[in-house]
């Protein structure tokens, strides 16, 4: 698979997965215990990950592969749990799936711009800068008082 095809495939998978994620999060019953929700989600995720490890990405030397992991793996788990709780809470306090998902994803992208530039040396050129400006304008438009009273 070419690099461009791989980039399109990976972005498509992430986009569809994230859309499904928001639809499913929004569909969790309001009175479901958040801790139990997370336990069931992560137990299911763990089982699916083990199946992927065994069937799709087999590891000939598991101990060597475990040694290649670093603290970022643990911090990803912490970040995912924070995102999960924030999203569950966001929908429980009345955000709609369309506006809430958009606000969270645009806000996250805007946070990642300076982080990418400072930590990872990613460059911000004119087209990217214009895209950032449009994202900020869009986020502000979504937050107008006329929209604030109806966040769905």
C-alpha atoms as a PDB file:
ATOM      1  CA  UNK A   1       0.000   0.000   0.000  1.00  0.00           C
ATOM      2  CA  UNK A   2       1.368   3.411  -0.930  1.00  0.00           C
ATOM      3  CA  UNK A   3       2.004   6.076   1.687  1.00  0.00           C
ATOM      4  CA  UNK A   4      -0.900   8.212   0.445  1.00  0.00           C
ATOM      5  CA  UNK A   5      -3.280   5.237   0.436  1.00  0.00           C
ATOM      6  CA  UNK A   6      -2.127   4.291   3.941  1.00  0.00           C
ATOM      7  CA  UNK A   7      -2.678   7.868   5.125  1.00  0.00           C
ATOM      8  CA  UNK A   8      -6.189   7.957   3.650  1.00  0.00           C
ATOM      9  CA  UNK A   9      -7.037   4.510   5.031  1.00  0.00           C
ATOM     10  CA  UNK A  10      -5.771   5.344   8.520  1.00  0.00           C
ATOM     11  CA  UNK A  11      -7.573   8.726   8.612  1.00  0.00           C
ATOM     12  CA  UNK A  12     -10.780   7.085   7.364  1.00  0.00           C
ATOM     13  CA  UNK A  13     -10.593   4.346   9.985  1.00  0.00           C
ATOM     14  CA  UNK A  14      -9.938   6.900  12.747  1.00  0.00           C
ATOM     15  CA  UNK A  15     -12.756   9.170  11.527  1.00  0.00           C
ATOM     16  CA  UNK A  16     -15.333   6.396  11.249  1.00  0.00           C
ATOM     17  CA  UNK A  17     -14.195   4.931  14.566  1.00  0.00           C
ATOM     18  CA  UNK A  18     -14.454   8.305  16.303  1.00  0.00           C
ATOM     19  CA  UNK A  19     -17.919   8.938  14.844  1.00  0.00           C
ATOM     20  CA  UNK A  20     -19.051   5.500  16.052  1.00  0.00           C
ATOM     21  CA  UNK A  21     -17.445   6.252  19.426  1.00  0.00           C
ATOM     22  CA  UNK A  22     -19.491   9.456  19.851  1.00  0.00           C
ATOM     23  CA  UNK A  23     -22.717   7.767  18.746  1.00  0.00           C
ATOM     24  CA  UNK A  24     -22.152   4.929  21.226  1.00  0.00           C
ATOM     25  CA  UNK A  25     -21.124   7.265  24.061  1.00  0.00           C
ATOM     26  CA  UNK A  26     -24.262   9.364  23.474  1.00  0.00           C
ATOM     27  CA  UNK A  27     -26.361   6.167  23.596  1.00  0.00           C
ATOM     28  CA  UNK A  28     -25.157   5.027  27.050  1.00  0.00           C
ATOM     29  CA  UNK A  29     -28.077   5.283  29.517  1.00  0.00           C
ATOM     30  CA  UNK A  30     -27.967   8.375  31.757  1.00  0.00           C
ATOM     31  CA  UNK A  31     -28.306   6.334  34.941  1.00  0.00           C
ATOM     32  CA  UNK A  32     -25.584   3.791  34.098  1.00  0.00           C
ATOM     33  CA  UNK A  33     -22.761   3.827  36.653  1.00  0.00           C
ATOM     34  CA  UNK A  34     -19.761   5.507  34.941  1.00  0.00           C
ATOM     35  CA  UNK A  35     -17.228   3.216  36.653  1.00  0.00           C
ATOM     36  CA  UNK A  36     -19.095   0.120  35.465  1.00  0.00           C
ATOM     37  CA  UNK A  37     -19.380   1.619  31.977  1.00  0.00           C
ATOM     38  CA  UNK A  38     -15.594   2.033  31.880  1.00  0.00           C
ATOM     39  CA  UNK A  39     -14.939  -1.466  33.230  1.00  0.00           C
ATOM     40  CA  UNK A  40     -17.148  -3.045  30.555  1.00  0.00           C
ATOM     41  CA  UNK A  41     -15.682  -0.835  27.797  1.00  0.00           C
ATOM     42  CA  UNK A  42     -12.100  -1.565  28.765  1.00  0.00           C
ATOM     43  CA  UNK A  43     -12.664  -5.275  29.382  1.00  0.00           C
ATOM     44  CA  UNK A  44     -14.179  -5.510  25.904  1.00  0.00           C
ATOM     45  CA  UNK A  45     -11.304  -3.452  24.498  1.00  0.00           C
ATOM     46  CA  UNK A  46      -8.765  -5.663  26.257  1.00  0.00           C
ATOM     47  CA  UNK A  47     -10.338  -8.839  24.853  1.00  0.00           C
ATOM     48  CA  UNK A  48     -10.426  -7.372  21.344  1.00  0.00           C
ATOM     49  CA  UNK A  49      -6.805  -6.229  21.704  1.00  0.00           C
ATOM     50  CA  UNK A  50      -5.685  -9.701  22.757  1.00  0.00           C
ATOM     51  CA  UNK A  51      -7.539 -11.145  19.753  1.00  0.00           C
ATOM     52  CA  UNK A  52      -5.774  -8.629  17.476  1.00  0.00           C
ATOM     53  CA  UNK A  53      -2.436  -9.480  19.065  1.00  0.00           C
ATOM     54  CA  UNK A  54      -3.008 -13.165  18.534  1.00  0.00           C
ATOM     55  CA  UNK A  55      -4.684 -13.153  15.103  1.00  0.00           C
ATOM     56  CA  UNK A  56      -3.536 -10.027  13.245  1.00  0.00           C
ATOM     57  CA  UNK A  57      -0.288  -8.830  14.822  1.00  0.00           C
ATOM     58  CA  UNK A  58       1.391 -11.951  16.227  1.00  0.00           C
ATOM     59  CA  UNK A  59       4.561 -11.304  18.212  1.00  0.00           C
ATOM     60  CA  UNK A  60       7.321 -13.881  17.951  1.00  0.00           C
ATOM     61  CA  UNK A  61       9.246 -12.486  20.954  1.00  0.00           C
ATOM     62  CA  UNK A  62       6.711 -11.104  23.426  1.00  0.00           C
ATOM     63  CA  UNK A  63       9.262 -10.276  26.144  1.00  0.00           C
ATOM     64  CA  UNK A  64      11.349  -8.194  23.707  1.00  0.00           C
ATOM     65  CA  UNK A  65       8.223  -6.396  22.510  1.00  0.00           C
ATOM     66  CA  UNK A  66       7.205  -5.590  26.098  1.00  0.00           C
ATOM     67  CA  UNK A  67      10.678  -4.126  26.704  1.00  0.00           C
ATOM     68  CA  UNK A  68      10.156  -1.776  23.743  1.00  0.00           C
ATOM     69  CA  UNK A  69       7.192  -0.124  25.470  1.00  0.00           C
ATOM     70  CA  UNK A  70       7.676   3.109  27.376  1.00  0.00           C
ATOM     71  CA  UNK A  71       5.765   5.318  29.811  1.00  0.00           C
ATOM     72  CA  UNK A  72       3.799   6.872  26.961  1.00  0.00           C
ATOM     73  CA  UNK A  73       1.667   3.707  26.853  1.00  0.00           C
ATOM     74  CA  UNK A  74       0.536   4.294  30.441  1.00  0.00           C
ATOM     75  CA  UNK A  75      -0.054   8.006  29.794  1.00  0.00           C
ATOM     76  CA  UNK A  76      -2.186   7.130  26.770  1.00  0.00           C
ATOM     77  CA  UNK A  77      -4.360   5.035  29.093  1.00  0.00           C
ATOM     78  CA  UNK A  78      -4.689   7.987  31.498  1.00  0.00           C
ATOM     79  CA  UNK A  79      -5.527  10.339  28.606  1.00  0.00           C
ATOM     80  CA  UNK A  80      -8.088   7.907  27.179  1.00  0.00           C
ATOM     81  CA  UNK A  81      -9.777   7.556  30.564  1.00  0.00           C
ATOM     82  CA  UNK A  82      -9.937  11.358  30.882  1.00  0.00           C
ATOM     83  CA  UNK A  83     -11.384  11.634  27.363  1.00  0.00           C
ATOM     84  CA  UNK A  84     -13.891   8.856  28.096  1.00  0.00           C
ATOM     85  CA  UNK A  85     -15.084  10.455  31.324  1.00  0.00           C
ATOM     86  CA  UNK A  86     -15.219  13.928  29.761  1.00  0.00           C
ATOM     87  CA  UNK A  87     -17.227  12.660  26.809  1.00  0.00           C
ATOM     88  CA  UNK A  88     -19.636  10.662  28.968  1.00  0.00           C
ATOM     89  CA  UNK A  89     -20.135  13.674  31.252  1.00  0.00           C
ATOM     90  CA  UNK A  90     -20.490  16.025  28.272  1.00  0.00           C
ATOM     91  CA  UNK A  91     -23.400  14.004  26.908  1.00  0.00           C
ATOM     92  CA  UNK A  92     -24.979  13.586  30.335  1.00  0.00           C
ATOM     93  CA  UNK A  93     -25.125  17.345  30.868  1.00  0.00           C
ATOM     94  CA  UNK A  94     -26.914  17.848  27.574  1.00  0.00           C
ATOM     95  CA  UNK A  95     -24.481  18.250  24.707  1.00  0.00           C
ATOM     96  CA  UNK A  96     -25.756  16.867  21.417  1.00  0.00           C
ATOM     97  CA  UNK A  97     -23.657  14.390  19.486  1.00  0.00           C
ATOM     98  CA  UNK A  98     -23.176  16.736  16.515  1.00  0.00           C
ATOM     99  CA  UNK A  99     -22.139  19.899  18.334  1.00  0.00           C
ATOM    100  CA  UNK A 100     -20.436  18.221  21.301  1.00  0.00           C
ATOM    101  CA  UNK A 101     -18.302  15.969  19.132  1.00  0.00           C
ATOM    102  CA  UNK A 102     -17.328  18.881  16.909  1.00  0.00           C
ATOM    103  CA  UNK A 103     -16.402  21.167  19.808  1.00  0.00           C
ATOM    104  CA  UNK A 104     -14.288  18.469  21.471  1.00  0.00           C
ATOM    105  CA  UNK A 105     -12.466  17.488  18.282  1.00  0.00           C
ATOM    106  CA  UNK A 106     -11.808  21.045  17.098  1.00  0.00           C
ATOM    107  CA  UNK A 107     -10.719  22.065  20.601  1.00  0.00           C
ATOM    108  CA  UNK A 108      -8.382  19.087  20.812  1.00  0.00           C
ATOM    109  CA  UNK A 109      -6.924  19.860  17.387  1.00  0.00           C
ATOM    110  CA  UNK A 110      -6.295  23.467  18.418  1.00  0.00           C
ATOM    111  CA  UNK A 111      -4.511  22.297  21.581  1.00  0.00           C
ATOM    112  CA  UNK A 112      -2.320  20.012  19.497  1.00  0.00           C
ATOM    113  CA  UNK A 113      -1.094  22.776  17.166  1.00  0.00           C
ATOM    114  CA  UNK A 114       1.307  24.439  19.630  1.00  0.00           C
ATOM    115  CA  UNK A 115       2.212  21.070  21.152  1.00  0.00           C
ATOM    116  CA  UNK A 116       3.123  19.716  17.709  1.00  0.00           C
ATOM    117  CA  UNK A 117       5.199  22.809  16.960  1.00  0.00           C
ATOM    118  CA  UNK A 118       7.020  22.929  20.305  1.00  0.00           C
ATOM    119  CA  UNK A 119       7.447  19.249  21.178  1.00  0.00           C
ATOM    120  CA  UNK A 120       7.674  17.631  17.784  1.00  0.00           C
ATOM    121  CA  UNK A 121       9.070  20.431  15.641  1.00  0.00           C
ATOM    122  CA  UNK A 122       6.093  20.417  13.270  1.00  0.00           C
ATOM    123  CA  UNK A 123       5.938  23.470  11.029  1.00  0.00           C
ATOM    124  CA  UNK A 124       2.929  25.730  10.670  1.00  0.00           C
ATOM    125  CA  UNK A 125       2.788  27.216   7.158  1.00  0.00           C
ATOM    126  CA  UNK A 126       0.270  29.674   5.690  1.00  0.00           C
ATOM    127  CA  UNK A 127      -2.368  27.102   4.631  1.00  0.00           C
ATOM    128  CA  UNK A 128      -2.184  25.421   8.046  1.00  0.00           C
ATOM    129  CA  UNK A 129      -2.375  28.814   9.755  1.00  0.00           C
ATOM    130  CA  UNK A 130      -5.483  29.696   7.753  1.00  0.00           C
ATOM    131  CA  UNK A 131      -7.021  26.344   8.662  1.00  0.00           C
ATOM    132  CA  UNK A 132      -6.314  27.036  12.333  1.00  0.00           C
ATOM    133  CA  UNK A 133      -7.923  30.481  12.022  1.00  0.00           C
ATOM    134  CA  UNK A 134     -11.028  28.966  10.403  1.00  0.00           C
ATOM    135  CA  UNK A 135     -11.209  26.331  13.147  1.00  0.00           C
ATOM    136  CA  UNK A 136     -11.078  29.055  15.810  1.00  0.00           C
ATOM    137  CA  UNK A 137     -13.793  31.053  14.024  1.00  0.00           C
ATOM    138  CA  UNK A 138     -15.914  27.914  13.750  1.00  0.00           C
ATOM    139  CA  UNK A 139     -15.460  27.140  17.431  1.00  0.00           C
ATOM    140  CA  UNK A 140     -16.448  30.710  18.336  1.00  0.00           C
ATOM    141  CA  UNK A 141     -19.515  30.520  16.089  1.00  0.00           C
ATOM    142  CA  UNK A 142     -20.537  27.261  17.776  1.00  0.00           C
ATOM    143  CA  UNK A 143     -20.242  29.033  21.152  1.00  0.00           C
ATOM    144  CA  UNK A 144     -22.445  32.055  20.329  1.00  0.00           C
ATOM    145  CA  UNK A 145     -25.155  32.805  22.924  1.00  0.00           C
ATOM    146  CA  UNK A 146     -27.850  31.684  20.456  1.00  0.00           C
ATOM    147  CA  UNK A 147     -26.186  28.260  20.390  1.00  0.00           C
ATOM    148  CA  UNK A 148     -25.260  28.189  24.080  1.00  0.00           C
ATOM    149  CA  UNK A 149     -28.868  27.844  25.235  1.00  0.00           C
ATOM    150  CA  UNK A 150     -29.321  24.907  22.884  1.00  0.00           C
ATOM    151  CA  UNK A 151     -26.123  22.875  22.950  1.00  0.00           C
ATOM    152  CA  UNK A 152     -27.800  19.994  21.220  1.00  0.00           C
END
